[in-house]
Amino acid sequence: MKVVVPSTARDAKGLMHAAVRDDDPVVYMFHKRLMGIGWMPAPEGPKTAVPEESYTVPFGEADVKREGSDVTVVTLGLHVHRALEAAESLADDGVDAEVVDLRTLVPLDTETVLESVRKTGRLVVVDEDYRSYGVTGEIIASVAESDLGALEAVERVAIPDVPIPYARPLEDEVLPDADDVEATVESVVE
């Protein structure tokens, strides 16, 4: 089974074409806020040019969206854009964050993540999942099992272990945003 989570229109099309051509089941997760409907405006990042021709995005191949040398920020889907927003703000303060878009959870591209962490020594994993038993913990565990010595500092940005509120203002309080990413990165580079 494969699990894909695109962050841009270009990746959405390429991963969908790859899913259709794959013999195994593919779980395709697309964040509703990337569509920019109604009261949920989309960030500018997902609105990428999409080629007319058919193409695929390979499963298990992460995309480094921003090169950096101080900290690795690993994320997927909507939070790629929040991480990029945080990285631009951090750059103004002299912090050079590398942003890695996983694009697929299964298979997980641990090699790209490890390569980045070996370069920066610091890892922040961001996901709109619960802090306990979620994707962030699994990615951190994968890195630690592969090369614990590469990690000088590690942290995650996720939803606290509380029920998700239905009221928009309360929901916004628990969902990770660019400010949360920025504050967490600042704490690991100190």
C-alpha atoms as a PDB file:
ATOM      1  CA  MET A   1       0.000   0.000   0.000  1.00  0.00           C
ATOM      2  CA  LYS A   2       1.154   3.550  -0.747  1.00  0.00           C
ATOM      3  CA  VAL A   3       0.162   6.811   0.998  1.00  0.00           C
ATOM      4  CA  VAL A   4       0.611  10.112  -0.844  1.00  0.00           C
ATOM      5  CA  VAL A   5       0.155  13.692   0.401  1.00  0.00           C
ATOM      6  CA  PRO A   6       0.784  16.346  -2.289  1.00  0.00           C
ATOM      7  CA  SER A   7       1.476  19.991  -1.468  1.00  0.00           C
ATOM      8  CA  THR A   8       1.216  21.530  -4.948  1.00  0.00           C
ATOM      9  CA  ALA A   9      -1.039  21.206  -7.983  1.00  0.00           C
ATOM     10  CA  ARG A  10       1.876  19.829  -9.993  1.00  0.00           C
ATOM     11  CA  ASP A  11       2.573  17.097  -7.433  1.00  0.00           C
ATOM     12  CA  ALA A  12      -1.156  16.384  -7.065  1.00  0.00           C
ATOM     13  CA  LYS A  13      -1.438  15.554 -10.772  1.00  0.00           C
ATOM     14  CA  GLY A  14       1.819  13.597 -10.926  1.00  0.00           C
ATOM     15  CA  LEU A  15       1.020  11.554  -7.824  1.00  0.00           C
ATOM     16  CA  MET A  16      -2.514  10.864  -9.088  1.00  0.00           C
ATOM     17  CA  HIS A  17      -1.143   9.573 -12.394  1.00  0.00           C
ATOM     18  CA  ALA A  18       1.348   7.405 -10.484  1.00  0.00           C
ATOM     19  CA  ALA A  19      -1.469   6.107  -8.257  1.00  0.00           C
ATOM     20  CA  VAL A  20      -3.629   5.146 -11.236  1.00  0.00           C
ATOM     21  CA  ARG A  21      -0.725   3.253 -12.800  1.00  0.00           C
ATOM     22  CA  ASP A  22       0.272   1.455  -9.582  1.00  0.00           C
ATOM     23  CA  ASP A  23      -0.845  -2.136  -9.004  1.00  0.00           C
ATOM     24  CA  ASP A  24      -1.111  -1.648  -5.236  1.00  0.00           C
ATOM     25  CA  PRO A  25      -3.742   0.314  -3.303  1.00  0.00           C
ATOM     26  CA  VAL A  26      -2.901   4.010  -2.908  1.00  0.00           C
ATOM     27  CA  VAL A  27      -4.332   6.237  -0.179  1.00  0.00           C
ATOM     28  CA  TYR A  28      -4.450   9.755  -1.608  1.00  0.00           C
ATOM     29  CA  MET A  29      -4.650  12.500   1.034  1.00  0.00           C
ATOM     30  CA  PHE A  30      -5.219  16.080  -0.117  1.00  0.00           C
ATOM     31  CA  HIS A  31      -5.698  18.891   2.401  1.00  0.00           C
ATOM     32  CA  LYS A  32      -8.920  20.826   1.866  1.00  0.00           C
ATOM     33  CA  ARG A  33      -7.197  24.154   2.492  1.00  0.00           C
ATOM     34  CA  LEU A  34      -4.987  23.656  -0.560  1.00  0.00           C
ATOM     35  CA  MET A  35      -8.055  24.046  -2.789  1.00  0.00           C
ATOM     36  CA  GLY A  36      -8.907  27.551  -1.589  1.00  0.00           C
ATOM     37  CA  ILE A  37     -12.646  27.095  -1.328  1.00  0.00           C
ATOM     38  CA  GLY A  38     -15.102  29.258   0.566  1.00  0.00           C
ATOM     39  CA  TRP A  39     -13.799  30.535   3.867  1.00  0.00           C
ATOM     40  CA  MET A  40     -10.579  28.513   3.523  1.00  0.00           C
ATOM     41  CA  PRO A  41      -8.230  30.557   1.337  1.00  0.00           C
ATOM     42  CA  ALA A  42      -5.275  28.616  -0.041  1.00  0.00           C
ATOM     43  CA  PRO A  43      -1.705  29.846   0.289  1.00  0.00           C
ATOM     44  CA  GLU A  44      -0.080  30.894  -2.992  1.00  0.00           C
ATOM     45  CA  GLY A  45       2.370  27.990  -3.017  1.00  0.00           C
ATOM     46  CA  PRO A  46       0.005  25.184  -4.084  1.00  0.00           C
ATOM     47  CA  LYS A  47      -1.076  27.060  -7.202  1.00  0.00           C
ATOM     48  CA  THR A  48       1.794  25.816  -9.337  1.00  0.00           C
ATOM     49  CA  ALA A  49       1.794  25.459 -13.093  1.00  0.00           C
ATOM     50  CA  VAL A  50       0.669  22.021 -14.206  1.00  0.00           C
ATOM     51  CA  PRO A  51       1.931  20.639 -17.519  1.00  0.00           C
ATOM     52  CA  GLU A  52      -0.721  19.541 -20.011  1.00  0.00           C
ATOM     53  CA  GLU A  53       1.008  16.249 -20.795  1.00  0.00           C
ATOM     54  CA  SER A  54       0.773  13.152 -18.648  1.00  0.00           C
ATOM     55  CA  TYR A  55       3.575  12.663 -16.106  1.00  0.00           C
ATOM     56  CA  THR A  56       4.137  10.902 -12.808  1.00  0.00           C
ATOM     57  CA  VAL A  57       5.803  11.861  -9.549  1.00  0.00           C
ATOM     58  CA  PRO A  58       7.681   8.826  -8.185  1.00  0.00           C
ATOM     59  CA  PHE A  59       6.511   7.383  -4.877  1.00  0.00           C
ATOM     60  CA  GLY A  60       9.056   7.608  -2.071  1.00  0.00           C
ATOM     61  CA  GLU A  61      10.920  10.585  -3.500  1.00  0.00           C
ATOM     62  CA  ALA A  62      10.879  13.664  -1.253  1.00  0.00           C
ATOM     63  CA  ASP A  63      11.416  17.145  -2.670  1.00  0.00           C
ATOM     64  CA  VAL A  64      13.728  19.684  -1.029  1.00  0.00           C
ATOM     65  CA  LYS A  65      11.656  22.849  -1.445  1.00  0.00           C
ATOM     66  CA  ARG A  66      14.253  25.141   0.142  1.00  0.00           C
ATOM     67  CA  GLU A  67      17.959  24.518   0.697  1.00  0.00           C
ATOM     68  CA  GLY A  68      19.352  25.426   4.106  1.00  0.00           C
ATOM     69  CA  SER A  69      22.245  24.744   6.472  1.00  0.00           C
ATOM     70  CA  ASP A  70      21.039  25.398  10.046  1.00  0.00           C
ATOM     71  CA  VAL A  71      17.989  23.159  10.518  1.00  0.00           C
ATOM     72  CA  THR A  72      15.935  20.610   8.575  1.00  0.00           C
ATOM     73  CA  VAL A  73      12.157  21.072   8.569  1.00  0.00           C
ATOM     74  CA  VAL A  74      10.353  17.950   7.332  1.00  0.00           C
ATOM     75  CA  THR A  75       6.670  18.159   6.481  1.00  0.00           C
ATOM     76  CA  LEU A  76       4.022  17.390   3.873  1.00  0.00           C
ATOM     77  CA  GLY A  77       0.789  18.700   2.369  1.00  0.00           C
ATOM     78  CA  LEU A  78      -0.467  22.091   3.549  1.00  0.00           C
ATOM     79  CA  HIS A  79       2.307  22.440   6.100  1.00  0.00           C
ATOM     80  CA  VAL A  80       4.968  22.632   3.397  1.00  0.00           C
ATOM     81  CA  HIS A  81       3.692  26.140   2.697  1.00  0.00           C
ATOM     82  CA  ARG A  82       3.599  27.041   6.379  1.00  0.00           C
ATOM     83  CA  ALA A  83       7.158  25.761   6.776  1.00  0.00           C
ATOM     84  CA  LEU A  84       8.302  27.800   3.763  1.00  0.00           C
ATOM     85  CA  GLU A  85       6.634  30.895   5.208  1.00  0.00           C
ATOM     86  CA  ALA A  86       8.404  30.295   8.525  1.00  0.00           C
ATOM     87  CA  ALA A  87      11.722  29.679   6.732  1.00  0.00           C
ATOM     88  CA  GLU A  88      11.504  33.025   4.936  1.00  0.00           C
ATOM     89  CA  SER A  89      10.826  34.815   8.216  1.00  0.00           C
ATOM     90  CA  LEU A  90      13.665  32.931   9.933  1.00  0.00           C
ATOM     91  CA  ALA A  91      16.038  33.903   7.113  1.00  0.00           C
ATOM     92  CA  ASP A  92      15.498  37.547   8.090  1.00  0.00           C
ATOM     93  CA  ASP A  93      16.914  36.595  11.508  1.00  0.00           C
ATOM     94  CA  GLY A  94      19.886  34.738  10.030  1.00  0.00           C
ATOM     95  CA  VAL A  95      18.510  31.195  10.403  1.00  0.00           C
ATOM     96  CA  ASP A  96      18.868  29.116   7.229  1.00  0.00           C
ATOM     97  CA  ALA A  97      16.146  26.432   7.257  1.00  0.00           C
ATOM     98  CA  GLU A  98      15.990  23.577   4.768  1.00  0.00           C
ATOM     99  CA  VAL A  99      12.407  22.511   3.987  1.00  0.00           C
ATOM    100  CA  VAL A 100      11.803  18.916   2.877  1.00  0.00           C
ATOM    101  CA  ASP A 101       8.413  17.999   1.383  1.00  0.00           C
ATOM    102  CA  LEU A 102       7.943  14.251   1.888  1.00  0.00           C
ATOM    103  CA  ARG A 103       5.172  13.967  -0.756  1.00  0.00           C
ATOM    104  CA  THR A 104       4.638  10.329   0.268  1.00  0.00           C
ATOM    105  CA  LEU A 105       4.365   8.729   3.694  1.00  0.00           C
ATOM    106  CA  VAL A 106       4.490   5.191   2.336  1.00  0.00           C
ATOM    107  CA  PRO A 107       7.088   4.669   1.071  1.00  0.00           C
ATOM    108  CA  LEU A 108       8.949   7.169   3.247  1.00  0.00           C
ATOM    109  CA  ASP A 109      12.069   8.748   1.735  1.00  0.00           C
ATOM    110  CA  THR A 110      14.311   8.457   4.788  1.00  0.00           C
ATOM    111  CA  GLU A 111      17.469   8.901   2.698  1.00  0.00           C
ATOM    112  CA  THR A 112      16.605  12.477   1.686  1.00  0.00           C
ATOM    113  CA  VAL A 113      15.639  13.299   5.274  1.00  0.00           C
ATOM    114  CA  LEU A 114      18.843  11.736   6.641  1.00  0.00           C
ATOM    115  CA  GLU A 115      21.003  13.526   4.083  1.00  0.00           C
ATOM    116  CA  SER A 116      19.511  16.845   5.153  1.00  0.00           C
ATOM    117  CA  VAL A 117      19.795  16.100   8.888  1.00  0.00           C
ATOM    118  CA  ARG A 118      23.432  15.053   8.471  1.00  0.00           C
ATOM    119  CA  LYS A 119      24.047  18.461   6.885  1.00  0.00           C
ATOM    120  CA  THR A 120      22.162  20.575   9.463  1.00  0.00           C
ATOM    121  CA  GLY A 121      22.295  18.462  12.633  1.00  0.00           C
ATOM    122  CA  ARG A 122      18.858  19.688  13.667  1.00  0.00           C
ATOM    123  CA  LEU A 123      15.413  18.322  12.835  1.00  0.00           C
ATOM    124  CA  VAL A 124      11.924  19.775  13.163  1.00  0.00           C
ATOM    125  CA  VAL A 125       9.025  17.646  11.900  1.00  0.00           C
ATOM    126  CA  VAL A 126       5.685  19.347  11.211  1.00  0.00           C
ATOM    127  CA  ASP A 127       2.312  17.676  10.677  1.00  0.00           C
ATOM    128  CA  GLU A 128      -1.367  18.271  11.318  1.00  0.00           C
ATOM    129  CA  ASP A 129      -1.610  15.122  13.376  1.00  0.00           C
ATOM    130  CA  TYR A 130      -1.743  14.471  17.093  1.00  0.00           C
ATOM    131  CA  ARG A 131       1.543  14.835  18.935  1.00  0.00           C
ATOM    132  CA  SER A 132       1.223  11.345  20.416  1.00  0.00           C
ATOM    133  CA  TYR A 133       1.490   8.301  18.145  1.00  0.00           C
ATOM    134  CA  GLY A 134       1.592  10.332  14.943  1.00  0.00           C
ATOM    135  CA  VAL A 135       3.638  10.843  11.818  1.00  0.00           C
ATOM    136  CA  THR A 136       6.031  13.265  13.508  1.00  0.00           C
ATOM    137  CA  GLY A 137       7.129  10.678  16.054  1.00  0.00           C
ATOM    138  CA  GLU A 138       7.557   8.010  13.382  1.00  0.00           C
ATOM    139  CA  ILE A 139       9.792  10.227  11.245  1.00  0.00           C
ATOM    140  CA  ILE A 140      11.912  11.194  14.240  1.00  0.00           C
ATOM    141  CA  ALA A 141      12.219   7.528  15.242  1.00  0.00           C
ATOM    142  CA  SER A 142      13.278   6.578  11.695  1.00  0.00           C
ATOM    143  CA  VAL A 143      16.034   9.191  11.725  1.00  0.00           C
ATOM    144  CA  ALA A 144      17.187   8.233  15.228  1.00  0.00           C
ATOM    145  CA  GLU A 145      17.315   4.533  14.348  1.00  0.00           C
ATOM    146  CA  SER A 146      19.286   5.221  11.176  1.00  0.00           C
ATOM    147  CA  ASP A 147      21.795   7.775  12.486  1.00  0.00           C
ATOM    148  CA  LEU A 148      21.259   8.981  16.054  1.00  0.00           C
ATOM    149  CA  GLY A 149      24.655  10.670  16.031  1.00  0.00           C
ATOM    150  CA  ALA A 150      23.497  13.080  13.327  1.00  0.00           C
ATOM    151  CA  LEU A 151      20.900  14.640  15.646  1.00  0.00           C
ATOM    152  CA  GLU A 152      22.069  17.575  17.750  1.00  0.00           C
ATOM    153  CA  ALA A 153      18.508  18.737  18.397  1.00  0.00           C
ATOM    154  CA  VAL A 154      15.065  17.479  17.446  1.00  0.00           C
ATOM    155  CA  GLU A 155      11.520  18.731  17.962  1.00  0.00           C
ATOM    156  CA  ARG A 156       8.095  18.358  16.435  1.00  0.00           C
ATOM    157  CA  VAL A 157       5.174  20.628  15.686  1.00  0.00           C
ATOM    158  CA  ALA A 158       1.829  18.854  15.906  1.00  0.00           C
ATOM    159  CA  ILE A 159      -1.645  19.090  17.375  1.00  0.00           C
ATOM    160  CA  PRO A 160      -1.755  18.837  21.165  1.00  0.00           C
ATOM    161  CA  ASP A 161      -3.525  15.755  22.504  1.00  0.00           C
ATOM    162  CA  VAL A 162      -6.949  17.400  22.705  1.00  0.00           C
ATOM    163  CA  PRO A 163     -10.144  16.941  20.678  1.00  0.00           C
ATOM    164  CA  ILE A 164     -10.268  19.120  17.553  1.00  0.00           C
ATOM    165  CA  PRO A 165     -12.812  21.905  18.152  1.00  0.00           C
ATOM    166  CA  TYR A 166     -15.549  22.560  15.598  1.00  0.00           C
ATOM    167  CA  ALA A 167     -15.517  26.345  16.042  1.00  0.00           C
ATOM    168  CA  ARG A 168     -13.097  27.921  13.533  1.00  0.00           C
ATOM    169  CA  PRO A 169     -11.346  30.239  16.062  1.00  0.00           C
ATOM    170  CA  LEU A 170     -10.793  27.351  18.470  1.00  0.00           C
ATOM    171  CA  GLU A 171      -9.654  25.029  15.685  1.00  0.00           C
ATOM    172  CA  ASP A 172      -7.109  27.636  14.598  1.00  0.00           C
ATOM    173  CA  GLU A 173      -5.715  27.620  18.139  1.00  0.00           C
ATOM    174  CA  VAL A 174      -4.779  23.926  18.021  1.00  0.00           C
ATOM    175  CA  LEU A 175      -3.698  23.558  14.382  1.00  0.00           C
ATOM    176  CA  PRO A 176       0.010  24.217  13.679  1.00  0.00           C
ATOM    177  CA  ASP A 177       0.769  27.388  11.742  1.00  0.00           C
ATOM    178  CA  ALA A 178       3.850  29.223  10.458  1.00  0.00           C
ATOM    179  CA  ASP A 179       4.350  30.966  13.809  1.00  0.00           C
ATOM    180  CA  ASP A 180       4.451  27.592  15.584  1.00  0.00           C
ATOM    181  CA  VAL A 181       7.013  26.311  13.090  1.00  0.00           C
ATOM    182  CA  GLU A 182       9.112  29.450  13.459  1.00  0.00           C
ATOM    183  CA  ALA A 183       9.080  29.328  17.273  1.00  0.00           C
ATOM    184  CA  THR A 184      10.027  25.647  17.290  1.00  0.00           C
ATOM    185  CA  VAL A 185      12.884  26.153  14.838  1.00  0.00           C
ATOM    186  CA  GLU A 186      14.181  29.040  16.945  1.00  0.00           C
ATOM    187  CA  SER A 187      14.175  26.771  20.007  1.00  0.00           C
ATOM    188  CA  VAL A 188      16.287  24.077  18.319  1.00  0.00           C
ATOM    189  CA  VAL A 189      18.883  26.441  16.839  1.00  0.00           C
ATOM    190  CA  GLU A 190      19.590  28.280  20.103  1.00  0.00           C
END
